[in-house]
Amino acid sequence: MIADVLRATGEHVVIVVIAVGIAIILGIPLGIWCARRARAGRFALRIVDTIQTIPSLALFGFLIPVPLIGGIGMRTAIVALILYSLLPIVRNTLTGIRGVDPIVLDAGVAMGLTDRQLLREVELPLAMPTIVAGIRIATVIAIGVATIAAAIGGGGLGTLIFRGVSMVDTRMILAGALPAAALALIADVVLSFVERRIA
């Protein structure tokens, strides 16, 4: 039982880290782009927002038949988690960039900074606490949704929960549910600490 829990926890962590990592790589530039182009940014944000409203099992169902990224297994689970993780990262990046004081930006322009330098040296550092808050929310969401990924063979702690439900075994259910809850709490505490340190 302990070996199964450790294996499933490892799978769970790998799925979440890969998905949130890719969501960060995609989401922060998308959030910056949305901040720079208001009309197109609203449209992009609406699309990401719509994805977030789709129930997780339905999203898995939509992705399974899609060539290359679909099918049964971990790959589809990771794609779904990336899509679910995008909204908080994109929205918080947008909010953080737009929340920078215009006076600070004017001072940067007066110093001769280019748009790229303003972004790198002024806007992103000031927006970083808000961006990290988005990453924290995305990580906690991903840990929770990853448990449902077991329904399509995605692995992780959800396999123990589903197995326990099918066997009516409370110990098996808790063996999957408790580590998943602990992972979410640990991620929240660690990233909250990082957020405070950056602020």
Protein backbone atom coordinates (compact mmCIF):
# COMPACT_ATOMS: atom_id res chain seq x y z
CA MET A 1 0.00 0.00 0.00
CA ILE A 2 2.77 2.48 0.94
CA ALA A 3 4.64 1.71 -2.28
CA ASP A 4 1.45 2.34 -4.29
CA VAL A 5 0.88 5.66 -2.51
CA LEU A 6 4.46 6.80 -3.14
CA ARG A 7 4.31 5.79 -6.81
CA ALA A 8 0.96 7.51 -7.34
CA THR A 9 2.16 10.63 -5.50
CA GLY A 10 5.24 10.77 -7.71
CA GLU A 11 3.10 10.46 -10.84
CA HIS A 12 0.77 13.17 -9.53
CA VAL A 13 3.63 15.58 -8.88
CA VAL A 14 5.16 14.94 -12.31
CA ILE A 15 1.84 15.55 -14.09
CA VAL A 16 1.20 18.79 -12.19
CA VAL A 17 4.76 20.14 -12.53
CA ILE A 18 4.85 19.51 -16.30
CA ALA A 19 1.37 20.97 -16.88
CA VAL A 20 1.84 24.08 -14.72
CA GLY A 21 5.36 24.61 -16.08
CA ILE A 22 4.08 24.65 -19.67
CA ALA A 23 1.12 26.83 -18.62
CA ILE A 24 3.57 29.36 -17.14
CA ILE A 25 5.65 29.37 -20.34
CA LEU A 26 2.50 29.99 -22.41
CA GLY A 27 0.44 32.02 -19.96
CA ILE A 28 2.83 34.82 -18.97
CA PRO A 29 3.61 35.90 -22.57
CA LEU A 30 -0.10 35.62 -23.40
CA GLY A 31 -0.96 37.81 -20.40
CA ILE A 32 1.62 40.40 -21.49
CA TRP A 33 0.19 40.31 -25.03
CA CYS A 34 -3.35 40.81 -23.65
CA ALA A 35 -2.12 43.82 -21.65
CA ARG A 36 -0.55 45.36 -24.76
CA ARG A 37 -3.53 44.80 -27.09
CA ALA A 38 -6.74 45.58 -25.24
CA ARG A 39 -9.36 44.49 -27.81
CA ALA A 40 -7.63 41.31 -28.99
CA GLY A 41 -6.62 40.63 -25.38
CA ARG A 42 -10.25 40.63 -24.24
CA PHE A 43 -11.10 38.11 -26.96
CA ALA A 44 -8.17 35.83 -25.99
CA LEU A 45 -9.09 36.07 -22.32
CA ARG A 46 -12.69 35.14 -23.13
CA ILE A 47 -11.51 31.99 -24.92
CA VAL A 48 -9.31 30.98 -21.97
CA ASP A 49 -12.17 31.78 -19.59
CA THR A 50 -14.55 29.58 -21.61
CA ILE A 51 -12.13 26.63 -21.39
CA GLN A 52 -12.09 27.02 -17.60
CA THR A 53 -15.88 26.68 -17.44
CA ILE A 54 -15.91 23.27 -19.17
CA PRO A 55 -16.29 20.45 -16.60
CA SER A 56 -13.07 18.45 -16.27
CA LEU A 57 -14.48 15.08 -17.36
CA ALA A 58 -16.13 16.74 -20.37
CA LEU A 59 -12.81 18.35 -21.33
CA PHE A 60 -11.07 14.97 -21.08
CA GLY A 61 -13.81 13.56 -23.31
CA PHE A 62 -13.30 16.32 -25.89
CA LEU A 63 -9.52 15.79 -25.94
CA ILE A 64 -9.45 11.97 -26.25
CA PRO A 65 -10.38 11.88 -29.98
CA VAL A 66 -8.04 14.77 -30.92
CA PRO A 67 -5.06 13.50 -33.00
CA LEU A 68 -1.55 13.82 -31.51
CA ILE A 69 -2.62 15.32 -28.16
CA GLY A 70 -5.54 13.00 -27.38
CA GLY A 71 -5.95 9.37 -26.46
CA ILE A 72 -6.04 7.52 -23.17
CA GLY A 73 -3.22 8.22 -20.75
CA MET A 74 -1.01 10.83 -19.12
CA ARG A 75 -0.54 12.97 -22.24
CA THR A 76 -4.22 13.90 -22.45
CA ALA A 77 -4.28 14.60 -18.71
CA ILE A 78 -1.34 16.99 -19.04
CA VAL A 79 -2.95 18.85 -21.98
CA ALA A 80 -6.18 19.27 -20.00
CA LEU A 81 -4.30 20.54 -16.95
CA ILE A 82 -2.38 23.04 -19.10
CA LEU A 83 -5.70 24.41 -20.40
CA TYR A 84 -7.14 24.63 -16.88
CA SER A 85 -4.00 26.32 -15.53
CA LEU A 86 -3.89 29.05 -18.18
CA LEU A 87 -6.69 31.30 -16.91
CA PRO A 88 -5.29 32.28 -13.48
CA ILE A 89 -1.80 32.78 -14.91
CA VAL A 90 -2.96 34.86 -17.90
CA ARG A 91 -5.45 36.90 -15.86
CA ASN A 92 -3.00 37.63 -13.03
CA THR A 93 -0.23 38.55 -15.48
CA LEU A 94 -2.62 40.94 -17.21
CA THR A 95 -3.74 42.41 -13.86
CA GLY A 96 -0.16 42.76 -12.62
CA ILE A 97 1.07 44.49 -15.79
CA ARG A 98 -1.91 46.86 -15.88
CA GLY A 99 -1.50 47.59 -12.16
CA VAL A 100 1.93 49.19 -12.59
CA ASP A 101 1.78 52.89 -11.71
CA PRO A 102 1.86 55.01 -14.90
CA ILE A 103 4.14 57.48 -13.12
CA VAL A 104 6.74 54.73 -12.72
CA LEU A 105 6.44 53.90 -16.43
CA ASP A 106 6.78 57.59 -17.36
CA ALA A 107 9.93 57.77 -15.23
CA GLY A 108 11.34 54.75 -17.09
CA VAL A 109 10.56 56.34 -20.46
CA ALA A 110 12.22 59.59 -19.30
CA MET A 111 15.34 57.56 -18.45
CA GLY A 112 15.43 56.31 -22.03
CA LEU A 113 14.25 52.73 -21.48
CA THR A 114 12.85 50.92 -24.52
CA ASP A 115 9.54 49.04 -24.37
CA ARG A 116 11.41 45.76 -23.92
CA GLN A 117 13.56 47.21 -21.12
CA LEU A 118 10.48 48.69 -19.43
CA LEU A 119 8.84 45.27 -19.48
CA ARG A 120 11.90 43.41 -18.21
CA GLU A 121 13.18 45.92 -15.65
CA VAL A 122 10.02 47.68 -14.43
CA GLU A 123 6.71 46.02 -15.27
CA LEU A 124 7.50 42.34 -14.71
CA PRO A 125 9.33 42.86 -11.37
CA LEU A 126 6.45 45.00 -10.05
CA ALA A 127 3.83 42.57 -11.39
CA MET A 128 5.63 39.46 -10.11
CA PRO A 129 3.72 39.09 -6.77
CA THR A 130 0.43 39.09 -8.70
CA ILE A 131 1.83 36.65 -11.28
CA VAL A 132 3.02 34.27 -8.53
CA ALA A 133 -0.45 34.44 -6.96
CA GLY A 134 -1.85 33.26 -10.30
CA ILE A 135 0.69 30.43 -10.45
CA ARG A 136 -0.31 29.42 -6.91
CA ILE A 137 -4.00 29.27 -7.86
CA ALA A 138 -3.19 27.34 -11.06
CA THR A 139 -1.08 24.81 -9.14
CA VAL A 140 -3.75 24.13 -6.53
CA ILE A 141 -6.40 23.75 -9.27
CA ALA A 142 -4.12 21.40 -11.22
CA ILE A 143 -3.51 19.19 -8.18
CA GLY A 144 -7.26 18.81 -7.70
CA VAL A 145 -8.13 18.21 -11.36
CA ALA A 146 -5.24 15.74 -11.75
CA THR A 147 -7.07 13.32 -9.42
CA ILE A 148 -9.89 13.08 -12.00
CA ALA A 149 -7.34 12.33 -14.75
CA ALA A 150 -7.19 8.76 -13.46
CA ALA A 151 -10.57 8.23 -15.15
CA ILE A 152 -8.78 8.33 -18.53
CA GLY A 153 -5.68 6.45 -17.43
CA GLY A 154 -3.71 9.59 -16.52
CA GLY A 155 -2.23 8.05 -13.38
CA GLY A 156 -1.63 9.89 -10.13
CA LEU A 157 -3.43 9.70 -6.82
CA GLY A 158 -6.82 9.53 -8.50
CA THR A 159 -6.09 5.89 -9.41
CA LEU A 160 -6.18 4.99 -5.72
CA ILE A 161 -9.38 6.96 -5.18
CA PHE A 162 -11.18 5.35 -8.15
CA ARG A 163 -9.90 1.91 -7.16
CA GLY A 164 -11.12 2.46 -3.60
CA VAL A 165 -14.55 3.57 -4.82
CA SER A 166 -14.90 0.50 -7.08
CA MET A 167 -13.86 -1.81 -4.22
CA VAL A 168 -15.82 0.16 -1.58
CA ASP A 169 -12.52 0.40 0.35
CA THR A 170 -12.36 3.51 2.55
CA ARG A 171 -8.66 2.98 3.30
CA MET A 172 -7.82 2.97 -0.40
CA ILE A 173 -9.90 6.12 -1.00
CA LEU A 174 -8.14 7.94 1.84
CA ALA A 175 -4.75 6.68 0.61
CA GLY A 176 -5.38 8.72 -2.54
CA ALA A 177 -7.39 11.62 -1.11
CA LEU A 178 -5.17 12.54 1.85
CA PRO A 179 -1.88 12.87 -0.10
CA ALA A 180 -3.71 14.89 -2.80
CA ALA A 181 -5.06 17.27 -0.16
CA ALA A 182 -1.62 17.47 1.46
CA LEU A 183 0.01 18.31 -1.89
CA ALA A 184 -2.49 21.12 -2.46
CA LEU A 185 -1.89 22.55 1.03
CA ILE A 186 1.91 22.32 0.68
CA ALA A 187 1.84 24.00 -2.74
CA ASP A 188 -0.40 26.77 -1.39
CA VAL A 189 1.83 27.41 1.64
CA VAL A 190 5.10 27.34 -0.33
CA LEU A 191 3.88 29.59 -3.14
CA SER A 192 2.20 31.97 -0.67
CA PHE A 193 5.58 32.29 1.06
CA VAL A 194 7.28 32.98 -2.30
CA GLU A 195 4.60 35.55 -3.12
CA ARG A 196 5.15 37.37 0.19
CA ARG A 197 8.93 37.31 -0.22
CA ILE A 198 8.72 38.81 -3.70
CA ALA A 199 6.25 41.48 -2.54
